[in-house]
């Protein structure tokens, strides 16, 4: 346990909420965003903060904002991240030098 009865799991979940909120804000404008995978313009109500390297398996980049981008619910949840177009668009967005660092 950490001070004031907060567990590491709770603190990790709280940190993830703040990082995801930042990503949603960064990748949207006036209530709209373009999905990193399918490149479709969608309402922010359909937006997830999608990780390229899954947070469950790649703990070292869980909070790295170069690894997290606005992604629609369809691509993130129902297409398991739709990773092939995600990678192509990620390289365009952040560049290969940063991608390799992540």
N, C-alpha and C. Protein backbone atom coordinates (compact mmCIF):
# COMPACT_ATOMS: atom_id res chain seq x y z
N UNK A 1 0.82 -1.18 0.00
CA UNK A 1 0.00 0.00 0.00
C UNK A 1 0.87 1.25 0.00
N UNK A 2 0.37 2.26 -0.68
CA UNK A 2 1.01 3.57 -0.71
C UNK A 2 0.28 4.45 0.31
N UNK A 3 0.82 5.60 0.59
CA UNK A 3 0.20 6.50 1.56
C UNK A 3 -1.27 6.75 1.26
N UNK A 4 -2.02 7.00 2.32
CA UNK A 4 -3.46 7.31 2.25
C UNK A 4 -4.27 6.17 1.64
N UNK A 5 -3.80 4.93 1.77
CA UNK A 5 -4.58 3.77 1.35
C UNK A 5 -4.68 3.55 -0.15
N UNK A 6 -3.84 4.19 -0.94
CA UNK A 6 -3.90 4.04 -2.40
C UNK A 6 -2.90 2.97 -2.84
N UNK A 7 -3.35 2.03 -3.62
CA UNK A 7 -2.47 0.96 -4.10
C UNK A 7 -1.76 1.40 -5.37
N UNK A 8 -0.72 0.67 -5.73
CA UNK A 8 -0.01 0.95 -6.97
C UNK A 8 -0.95 0.77 -8.16
N UNK A 9 -1.81 -0.24 -8.10
CA UNK A 9 -2.78 -0.46 -9.20
C UNK A 9 -3.71 0.74 -9.34
N UNK A 10 -4.18 1.28 -8.24
CA UNK A 10 -5.08 2.44 -8.29
C UNK A 10 -4.35 3.64 -8.86
N UNK A 11 -3.11 3.89 -8.40
CA UNK A 11 -2.33 5.01 -8.90
C UNK A 11 -2.03 4.86 -10.39
N UNK A 12 -1.74 3.65 -10.83
CA UNK A 12 -1.48 3.38 -12.25
C UNK A 12 -2.72 3.68 -13.08
N UNK A 13 -3.88 3.24 -12.61
CA UNK A 13 -5.14 3.52 -13.32
C UNK A 13 -5.42 5.01 -13.39
N UNK A 14 -5.16 5.73 -12.31
CA UNK A 14 -5.36 7.18 -12.29
C UNK A 14 -4.42 7.86 -13.28
N UNK A 15 -3.16 7.46 -13.29
CA UNK A 15 -2.19 8.03 -14.24
C UNK A 15 -2.63 7.76 -15.67
N UNK A 16 -3.14 6.55 -15.94
CA UNK A 16 -3.59 6.22 -17.29
C UNK A 16 -4.77 7.10 -17.71
N UNK A 17 -5.68 7.37 -16.80
CA UNK A 17 -6.82 8.26 -17.10
C UNK A 17 -6.34 9.64 -17.51
N UNK A 18 -5.33 10.18 -16.77
CA UNK A 18 -4.82 11.52 -17.09
C UNK A 18 -4.09 11.54 -18.42
N UNK A 19 -3.28 10.52 -18.69
CA UNK A 19 -2.56 10.45 -19.96
C UNK A 19 -3.54 10.31 -21.11
N UNK A 20 -4.54 9.43 -20.96
CA UNK A 20 -5.55 9.25 -22.00
C UNK A 20 -6.32 10.54 -22.26
N UNK A 21 -6.64 11.26 -21.20
CA UNK A 21 -7.33 12.54 -21.34
C UNK A 21 -6.48 13.53 -22.13
N UNK A 22 -5.19 13.58 -21.82
CA UNK A 22 -4.28 14.46 -22.56
C UNK A 22 -4.26 14.10 -24.04
N UNK A 23 -4.16 12.81 -24.36
CA UNK A 23 -4.10 12.36 -25.75
C UNK A 23 -5.40 12.72 -26.48
N UNK A 24 -6.54 12.52 -25.84
CA UNK A 24 -7.81 12.87 -26.46
C UNK A 24 -7.87 14.37 -26.77
N UNK A 25 -7.38 15.17 -25.86
CA UNK A 25 -7.35 16.62 -26.07
C UNK A 25 -6.37 16.98 -27.20
N UNK A 26 -5.17 16.40 -27.16
CA UNK A 26 -4.12 16.68 -28.16
C UNK A 26 -4.58 16.32 -29.57
N UNK A 27 -5.29 15.20 -29.71
CA UNK A 27 -5.62 14.68 -31.04
C UNK A 27 -7.01 15.05 -31.54
N UNK A 28 -7.65 16.01 -30.90
CA UNK A 28 -8.99 16.41 -31.35
C UNK A 28 -9.07 17.92 -31.48
N UNK A 29 -10.08 18.34 -32.23
CA UNK A 29 -10.35 19.77 -32.38
C UNK A 29 -11.84 19.97 -32.60
N UNK A 30 -12.41 20.83 -31.80
CA UNK A 30 -13.82 21.22 -31.94
C UNK A 30 -14.76 20.01 -31.99
N UNK A 31 -14.47 19.00 -31.18
CA UNK A 31 -15.35 17.85 -31.07
C UNK A 31 -15.12 16.76 -32.10
N UNK A 32 -14.05 16.86 -32.89
CA UNK A 32 -13.77 15.89 -33.95
C UNK A 32 -12.33 15.43 -33.88
N UNK A 33 -12.07 14.26 -34.45
CA UNK A 33 -10.70 13.76 -34.55
C UNK A 33 -10.59 12.84 -35.76
N UNK A 34 -9.36 12.61 -36.20
CA UNK A 34 -9.09 11.67 -37.28
C UNK A 34 -8.42 10.46 -36.65
N UNK A 35 -9.01 9.29 -36.84
CA UNK A 35 -8.48 8.05 -36.27
C UNK A 35 -7.09 7.76 -36.86
N UNK A 36 -6.13 7.43 -35.99
CA UNK A 36 -4.77 7.13 -36.41
C UNK A 36 -4.73 5.92 -37.34
N UNK A 37 -5.68 5.01 -37.22
CA UNK A 37 -5.67 3.79 -38.04
C UNK A 37 -6.44 3.95 -39.35
N UNK A 38 -7.74 4.19 -39.26
CA UNK A 38 -8.58 4.21 -40.47
C UNK A 38 -8.60 5.58 -41.15
N UNK A 39 -8.08 6.61 -40.47
CA UNK A 39 -8.01 7.96 -41.01
C UNK A 39 -9.37 8.59 -41.28
N UNK A 40 -10.42 8.08 -40.64
CA UNK A 40 -11.75 8.65 -40.80
C UNK A 40 -11.97 9.75 -39.76
N UNK A 41 -12.66 10.80 -40.19
CA UNK A 41 -13.05 11.89 -39.30
C UNK A 41 -14.25 11.42 -38.48
N UNK A 42 -14.13 11.50 -37.16
CA UNK A 42 -15.19 11.01 -36.29
C UNK A 42 -15.37 11.94 -35.10
N UNK A 43 -16.53 11.81 -34.48
CA UNK A 43 -16.83 12.57 -33.27
C UNK A 43 -15.95 12.07 -32.13
N UNK A 44 -15.57 12.98 -31.23
CA UNK A 44 -14.76 12.57 -30.08
C UNK A 44 -15.49 11.57 -29.18
N UNK A 45 -16.81 11.47 -29.32
CA UNK A 45 -17.55 10.46 -28.56
C UNK A 45 -17.16 9.05 -28.99
N UNK A 46 -16.54 8.91 -30.18
CA UNK A 46 -16.11 7.61 -30.68
C UNK A 46 -14.60 7.42 -30.50
N UNK A 47 -13.98 8.25 -29.68
CA UNK A 47 -12.53 8.26 -29.58
C UNK A 47 -12.01 7.49 -28.36
N UNK A 48 -11.02 6.66 -28.60
CA UNK A 48 -10.23 6.03 -27.54
C UNK A 48 -8.81 6.57 -27.64
N UNK A 49 -8.07 6.41 -26.57
CA UNK A 49 -6.63 6.68 -26.61
C UNK A 49 -5.98 5.32 -26.86
N UNK A 50 -5.68 5.05 -28.12
CA UNK A 50 -5.20 3.73 -28.52
C UNK A 50 -3.68 3.62 -28.45
N UNK A 51 -3.21 2.56 -27.81
CA UNK A 51 -1.78 2.29 -27.70
C UNK A 51 -1.32 1.46 -28.89
N UNK A 52 -0.20 1.84 -29.53
CA UNK A 52 0.37 1.00 -30.58
C UNK A 52 0.98 -0.24 -29.94
N UNK A 53 1.88 -0.04 -28.98
CA UNK A 53 2.41 -1.16 -28.21
C UNK A 53 1.50 -1.32 -26.99
N UNK A 54 0.83 -2.45 -26.90
CA UNK A 54 -0.20 -2.66 -25.88
C UNK A 54 0.32 -2.41 -24.47
N UNK A 55 -0.44 -1.65 -23.71
CA UNK A 55 -0.02 -1.28 -22.35
C UNK A 55 0.09 -2.49 -21.43
N UNK A 56 -0.64 -3.55 -21.73
CA UNK A 56 -0.59 -4.75 -20.89
C UNK A 56 0.74 -5.50 -21.04
N UNK A 57 1.37 -5.38 -22.20
CA UNK A 57 2.57 -6.16 -22.47
C UNK A 57 3.84 -5.31 -22.54
N UNK A 58 3.72 -4.03 -22.81
CA UNK A 58 4.87 -3.14 -22.95
C UNK A 58 4.78 -2.03 -21.90
N UNK A 59 5.02 -2.41 -20.66
CA UNK A 59 4.85 -1.49 -19.53
C UNK A 59 5.75 -0.25 -19.63
N UNK A 60 6.90 -0.39 -20.29
CA UNK A 60 7.85 0.73 -20.36
C UNK A 60 7.33 1.89 -21.20
N UNK A 61 6.36 1.64 -22.08
CA UNK A 61 5.83 2.72 -22.91
C UNK A 61 4.34 2.95 -22.66
N UNK A 62 3.84 2.43 -21.56
CA UNK A 62 2.43 2.57 -21.22
C UNK A 62 1.98 4.03 -21.20
N UNK A 63 2.81 4.92 -20.67
CA UNK A 63 2.45 6.33 -20.54
C UNK A 63 3.17 7.22 -21.54
N UNK A 64 3.87 6.65 -22.49
CA UNK A 64 4.60 7.41 -23.51
C UNK A 64 3.61 7.93 -24.55
N UNK A 65 3.45 9.24 -24.61
CA UNK A 65 2.44 9.82 -25.50
C UNK A 65 2.78 9.65 -26.98
N UNK A 66 4.01 9.25 -27.31
CA UNK A 66 4.32 8.91 -28.70
C UNK A 66 3.77 7.53 -29.06
N UNK A 67 3.38 6.75 -28.06
CA UNK A 67 2.82 5.41 -28.27
C UNK A 67 1.29 5.41 -28.19
N UNK A 68 0.69 6.55 -27.88
CA UNK A 68 -0.76 6.63 -27.67
C UNK A 68 -1.33 7.72 -28.57
N UNK A 69 -2.37 7.35 -29.34
CA UNK A 69 -2.96 8.31 -30.28
C UNK A 69 -4.46 8.12 -30.35
N UNK A 70 -5.13 9.18 -30.82
CA UNK A 70 -6.58 9.12 -30.97
C UNK A 70 -6.95 8.02 -31.97
N UNK A 71 -7.78 7.11 -31.50
CA UNK A 71 -8.19 5.97 -32.32
C UNK A 71 -9.67 5.72 -32.09
N UNK A 72 -10.38 5.40 -33.14
CA UNK A 72 -11.82 5.16 -32.99
C UNK A 72 -12.06 3.83 -32.28
N UNK A 73 -13.21 3.73 -31.65
CA UNK A 73 -13.59 2.53 -30.92
C UNK A 73 -13.54 1.31 -31.83
N UNK A 74 -14.00 1.46 -33.06
CA UNK A 74 -14.02 0.34 -34.01
C UNK A 74 -12.62 -0.22 -34.22
N UNK A 75 -11.67 0.64 -34.53
CA UNK A 75 -10.30 0.17 -34.77
C UNK A 75 -9.65 -0.35 -33.50
N UNK A 76 -9.84 0.35 -32.40
CA UNK A 76 -9.17 -0.03 -31.15
C UNK A 76 -9.72 -1.32 -30.57
N UNK A 77 -11.02 -1.42 -30.46
CA UNK A 77 -11.61 -2.57 -29.77
C UNK A 77 -12.02 -3.70 -30.69
N UNK A 78 -12.67 -3.38 -31.79
CA UNK A 78 -13.23 -4.43 -32.63
C UNK A 78 -12.27 -4.93 -33.70
N UNK A 79 -11.25 -4.14 -34.01
CA UNK A 79 -10.23 -4.57 -34.98
C UNK A 79 -8.87 -4.78 -34.29
N UNK A 80 -8.90 -4.96 -32.98
CA UNK A 80 -7.70 -5.25 -32.18
C UNK A 80 -6.57 -4.25 -32.41
N UNK A 81 -6.93 -2.99 -32.55
CA UNK A 81 -5.95 -1.94 -32.74
C UNK A 81 -5.70 -1.57 -34.19
N UNK A 82 -6.15 -2.42 -35.12
CA UNK A 82 -5.95 -2.15 -36.56
C UNK A 82 -4.51 -1.68 -36.78
N UNK A 83 -3.56 -2.52 -36.38
CA UNK A 83 -2.17 -2.11 -36.21
C UNK A 83 -1.39 -1.85 -37.49
N UNK A 84 -1.73 -2.48 -38.61
CA UNK A 84 -0.96 -2.23 -39.83
C UNK A 84 -1.12 -0.78 -40.30
N UNK A 85 -2.36 -0.28 -40.47
CA UNK A 85 -2.47 1.13 -40.83
C UNK A 85 -2.06 2.06 -39.68
N UNK A 86 -2.23 1.61 -38.43
CA UNK A 86 -1.77 2.42 -37.29
C UNK A 86 -0.28 2.68 -37.45
N UNK A 87 0.51 1.63 -37.71
CA UNK A 87 1.96 1.78 -37.86
C UNK A 87 2.32 2.73 -39.01
N UNK A 88 1.66 2.54 -40.15
CA UNK A 88 1.94 3.39 -41.31
C UNK A 88 1.68 4.86 -40.99
N UNK A 89 0.57 5.15 -40.36
CA UNK A 89 0.21 6.53 -40.02
C UNK A 89 1.01 7.07 -38.85
N UNK A 90 1.41 6.19 -37.95
CA UNK A 90 2.25 6.60 -36.83
C UNK A 90 3.62 7.07 -37.34
N UNK A 91 4.18 6.35 -38.29
CA UNK A 91 5.47 6.76 -38.86
C UNK A 91 5.37 8.12 -39.54
N UNK A 92 4.25 8.39 -40.19
CA UNK A 92 4.03 9.69 -40.82
C UNK A 92 3.89 10.77 -39.74
N UNK A 93 3.16 10.46 -38.69
CA UNK A 93 2.86 11.45 -37.65
C UNK A 93 4.07 11.79 -36.78
N UNK A 94 4.81 10.79 -36.31
CA UNK A 94 5.90 11.07 -35.37
C UNK A 94 7.29 10.85 -35.96
N UNK A 95 7.38 10.17 -37.09
CA UNK A 95 8.68 9.92 -37.71
C UNK A 95 9.34 8.65 -37.22
N UNK A 96 10.19 8.10 -38.05
CA UNK A 96 10.83 6.81 -37.73
C UNK A 96 11.77 6.92 -36.54
N UNK A 97 12.48 8.04 -36.40
CA UNK A 97 13.40 8.20 -35.29
C UNK A 97 12.73 8.10 -33.94
N UNK A 98 11.56 8.71 -33.81
CA UNK A 98 10.81 8.64 -32.54
C UNK A 98 10.17 7.27 -32.40
N UNK A 99 9.68 6.70 -33.49
CA UNK A 99 9.03 5.38 -33.46
C UNK A 99 10.01 4.33 -32.92
N UNK A 100 11.24 4.37 -33.38
CA UNK A 100 12.24 3.40 -32.93
C UNK A 100 12.53 3.59 -31.44
N UNK A 101 12.51 4.83 -30.97
CA UNK A 101 12.73 5.11 -29.55
C UNK A 101 11.63 4.52 -28.67
N UNK A 102 10.40 4.57 -29.18
CA UNK A 102 9.27 4.07 -28.41
C UNK A 102 9.44 2.58 -28.25
